[in-house]
């Protein structure tokens, strides 16, 4: 029996469907996985540690990766492409609803 998404996962999916954009995520020479993500650049006040100007945060759902058999989590040097721009995944922070993995917040560099 497959668990139904909870309210947080449904809310996140609605947000991405309404405000996200089409993207693909690829590992090495593997097939790209189509997904929808929401990209926002880090502001100057967030540039601490390893972050640099031009880095961005991307919100995605985990379901497209799972459905495509993509070995999670996304990691360096996976490639994220959107609107003709190419980004390198630096790391991914998992997003959970209870015990269920529902998505990732990616930190990416490039563009």
C-alpha atoms as a PDB file:
ATOM      1  CA  UNK A   1       0.000   0.000   0.000  1.00  0.00           C
ATOM      2  CA  UNK A   2       1.405   3.399  -1.023  1.00  0.00           C
ATOM      3  CA  UNK A   3       1.102   6.176   1.536  1.00  0.00           C
ATOM      4  CA  UNK A   4      -0.822   9.241   0.437  1.00  0.00           C
ATOM      5  CA  UNK A   5       1.047  12.554   0.514  1.00  0.00           C
ATOM      6  CA  UNK A   6       0.445  14.594   3.653  1.00  0.00           C
ATOM      7  CA  UNK A   7      -0.644  18.239   3.791  1.00  0.00           C
ATOM      8  CA  UNK A   8       2.917  19.616   3.707  1.00  0.00           C
ATOM      9  CA  UNK A   9       3.790  17.545   0.611  1.00  0.00           C
ATOM     10  CA  UNK A  10       0.562  18.603  -1.128  1.00  0.00           C
ATOM     11  CA  UNK A  11       1.209  22.266  -0.304  1.00  0.00           C
ATOM     12  CA  UNK A  12       4.791  22.038  -1.566  1.00  0.00           C
ATOM     13  CA  UNK A  13       3.640  20.324  -4.778  1.00  0.00           C
ATOM     14  CA  UNK A  14       1.002  23.044  -5.382  1.00  0.00           C
ATOM     15  CA  UNK A  15       3.598  25.775  -4.818  1.00  0.00           C
ATOM     16  CA  UNK A  16       6.033  24.194  -7.293  1.00  0.00           C
ATOM     17  CA  UNK A  17       3.287  23.583  -9.859  1.00  0.00           C
ATOM     18  CA  UNK A  18       2.241  27.240  -9.683  1.00  0.00           C
ATOM     19  CA  UNK A  19       5.580  29.001  -9.334  1.00  0.00           C
ATOM     20  CA  UNK A  20       8.203  26.515 -10.452  1.00  0.00           C
ATOM     21  CA  UNK A  21       9.738  26.014 -13.861  1.00  0.00           C
ATOM     22  CA  UNK A  22      10.673  22.938 -15.888  1.00  0.00           C
ATOM     23  CA  UNK A  23      14.119  21.548 -15.121  1.00  0.00           C
ATOM     24  CA  UNK A  24      16.164  18.439 -15.711  1.00  0.00           C
ATOM     25  CA  UNK A  25      18.593  16.745 -13.362  1.00  0.00           C
ATOM     26  CA  UNK A  26      21.318  14.475 -14.713  1.00  0.00           C
ATOM     27  CA  UNK A  27      24.040  12.387 -13.136  1.00  0.00           C
ATOM     28  CA  UNK A  28      27.032  11.801 -15.399  1.00  0.00           C
ATOM     29  CA  UNK A  29      26.036  10.285 -18.739  1.00  0.00           C
ATOM     30  CA  UNK A  30      22.698   9.060 -17.346  1.00  0.00           C
ATOM     31  CA  UNK A  31      19.306  10.021 -18.677  1.00  0.00           C
ATOM     32  CA  UNK A  32      18.039  13.407 -17.467  1.00  0.00           C
ATOM     33  CA  UNK A  33      15.087  13.387 -15.075  1.00  0.00           C
ATOM     34  CA  UNK A  34      12.374  15.944 -15.858  1.00  0.00           C
ATOM     35  CA  UNK A  35      11.066  17.813 -12.832  1.00  0.00           C
ATOM     36  CA  UNK A  36       9.696  21.154 -11.711  1.00  0.00           C
ATOM     37  CA  UNK A  37      11.746  23.330  -9.403  1.00  0.00           C
ATOM     38  CA  UNK A  38      11.746  26.762  -7.880  1.00  0.00           C
ATOM     39  CA  UNK A  39      15.072  28.582  -8.157  1.00  0.00           C
ATOM     40  CA  UNK A  40      16.096  31.630  -6.161  1.00  0.00           C
ATOM     41  CA  UNK A  41      19.523  33.198  -5.880  1.00  0.00           C
ATOM     42  CA  UNK A  42      21.067  33.724  -2.479  1.00  0.00           C
ATOM     43  CA  UNK A  43      21.111  37.340  -1.354  1.00  0.00           C
ATOM     44  CA  UNK A  44      24.298  39.063  -0.186  1.00  0.00           C
ATOM     45  CA  UNK A  45      23.409  38.517   3.487  1.00  0.00           C
ATOM     46  CA  UNK A  46      23.249  34.720   2.928  1.00  0.00           C
ATOM     47  CA  UNK A  47      26.725  34.453   1.392  1.00  0.00           C
ATOM     48  CA  UNK A  48      28.569  32.762   4.228  1.00  0.00           C
ATOM     49  CA  UNK A  49      30.901  29.791   4.318  1.00  0.00           C
ATOM     50  CA  UNK A  50      31.288  28.137   0.925  1.00  0.00           C
ATOM     51  CA  UNK A  51      28.475  30.105  -0.774  1.00  0.00           C
ATOM     52  CA  UNK A  52      29.460  32.568  -3.492  1.00  0.00           C
ATOM     53  CA  UNK A  53      27.693  35.319  -5.358  1.00  0.00           C
ATOM     54  CA  UNK A  54      25.574  33.715  -8.083  1.00  0.00           C
ATOM     55  CA  UNK A  55      24.858  30.514  -6.155  1.00  0.00           C
ATOM     56  CA  UNK A  56      21.203  29.578  -5.891  1.00  0.00           C
ATOM     57  CA  UNK A  57      18.773  27.468  -3.939  1.00  0.00           C
ATOM     58  CA  UNK A  58      16.360  25.152  -5.765  1.00  0.00           C
ATOM     59  CA  UNK A  59      13.291  23.496  -4.250  1.00  0.00           C
ATOM     60  CA  UNK A  60      12.251  20.183  -5.847  1.00  0.00           C
ATOM     61  CA  UNK A  61      10.038  17.216  -4.983  1.00  0.00           C
ATOM     62  CA  UNK A  62      11.536  13.757  -4.450  1.00  0.00           C
ATOM     63  CA  UNK A  63       8.785  11.879  -6.344  1.00  0.00           C
ATOM     64  CA  UNK A  64      10.120  12.502  -9.890  1.00  0.00           C
ATOM     65  CA  UNK A  65      13.560  11.234  -8.856  1.00  0.00           C
ATOM     66  CA  UNK A  66      12.107   8.127  -7.225  1.00  0.00           C
ATOM     67  CA  UNK A  67       9.861   7.429 -10.234  1.00  0.00           C
ATOM     68  CA  UNK A  68      12.845   7.690 -12.615  1.00  0.00           C
ATOM     69  CA  UNK A  69      15.060   5.439 -10.475  1.00  0.00           C
ATOM     70  CA  UNK A  70      17.488   8.300  -9.824  1.00  0.00           C
ATOM     71  CA  UNK A  71      19.834   7.377  -6.983  1.00  0.00           C
ATOM     72  CA  UNK A  72      19.119   9.970  -4.330  1.00  0.00           C
ATOM     73  CA  UNK A  73      20.169  12.312  -2.981  1.00  0.00           C
ATOM     74  CA  UNK A  74      21.321  14.682  -5.692  1.00  0.00           C
ATOM     75  CA  UNK A  75      24.997  15.490  -5.148  1.00  0.00           C
ATOM     76  CA  UNK A  76      28.043  17.129  -6.666  1.00  0.00           C
ATOM     77  CA  UNK A  77      28.660  17.079  -9.654  1.00  0.00           C
ATOM     78  CA  UNK A  78      25.059  16.338 -10.784  1.00  0.00           C
ATOM     79  CA  UNK A  79      23.865  18.818 -13.405  1.00  0.00           C
ATOM     80  CA  UNK A  80      20.629  20.800 -13.179  1.00  0.00           C
ATOM     81  CA  UNK A  81      19.440  22.512 -16.359  1.00  0.00           C
ATOM     82  CA  UNK A  82      16.720  25.110 -16.688  1.00  0.00           C
ATOM     83  CA  UNK A  83      15.891  27.660 -19.360  1.00  0.00           C
ATOM     84  CA  UNK A  84      19.202  27.104 -21.143  1.00  0.00           C
ATOM     85  CA  UNK A  85      21.282  27.499 -17.983  1.00  0.00           C
ATOM     86  CA  UNK A  86      23.419  24.766 -16.487  1.00  0.00           C
ATOM     87  CA  UNK A  87      24.011  24.494 -12.752  1.00  0.00           C
ATOM     88  CA  UNK A  88      26.175  22.092 -10.737  1.00  0.00           C
ATOM     89  CA  UNK A  89      24.606  20.646  -7.608  1.00  0.00           C
ATOM     90  CA  UNK A  90      26.802  21.352  -4.593  1.00  0.00           C
ATOM     91  CA  UNK A  91      24.643  19.559  -2.046  1.00  0.00           C
ATOM     92  CA  UNK A  92      21.068  18.632  -1.226  1.00  0.00           C
ATOM     93  CA  UNK A  93      19.224  19.022   2.060  1.00  0.00           C
ATOM     94  CA  UNK A  94      16.374  16.515   2.406  1.00  0.00           C
ATOM     95  CA  UNK A  95      12.879  17.749   3.254  1.00  0.00           C
ATOM     96  CA  UNK A  96      10.696  15.411   5.308  1.00  0.00           C
ATOM     97  CA  UNK A  97       7.064  15.269   6.325  1.00  0.00           C
ATOM     98  CA  UNK A  98       7.202  13.073   9.377  1.00  0.00           C
ATOM     99  CA  UNK A  99       9.267  10.051   8.319  1.00  0.00           C
ATOM    100  CA  UNK A 100       8.535  10.520   4.595  1.00  0.00           C
ATOM    101  CA  UNK A 101      11.112  12.124   2.301  1.00  0.00           C
ATOM    102  CA  UNK A 102       9.146  14.555   0.150  1.00  0.00           C
ATOM    103  CA  UNK A 103      11.754  16.773  -1.475  1.00  0.00           C
ATOM    104  CA  UNK A 104      15.114  18.469  -1.469  1.00  0.00           C
ATOM    105  CA  UNK A 105      16.522  21.942  -1.191  1.00  0.00           C
ATOM    106  CA  UNK A 106      19.488  21.974  -3.566  1.00  0.00           C
ATOM    107  CA  UNK A 107      22.363  24.431  -3.461  1.00  0.00           C
ATOM    108  CA  UNK A 108      23.629  24.943  -7.000  1.00  0.00           C
ATOM    109  CA  UNK A 109      26.382  26.900  -8.706  1.00  0.00           C
ATOM    110  CA  UNK A 110      26.606  28.077 -12.303  1.00  0.00           C
ATOM    111  CA  UNK A 111      23.835  29.477 -14.403  1.00  0.00           C
END
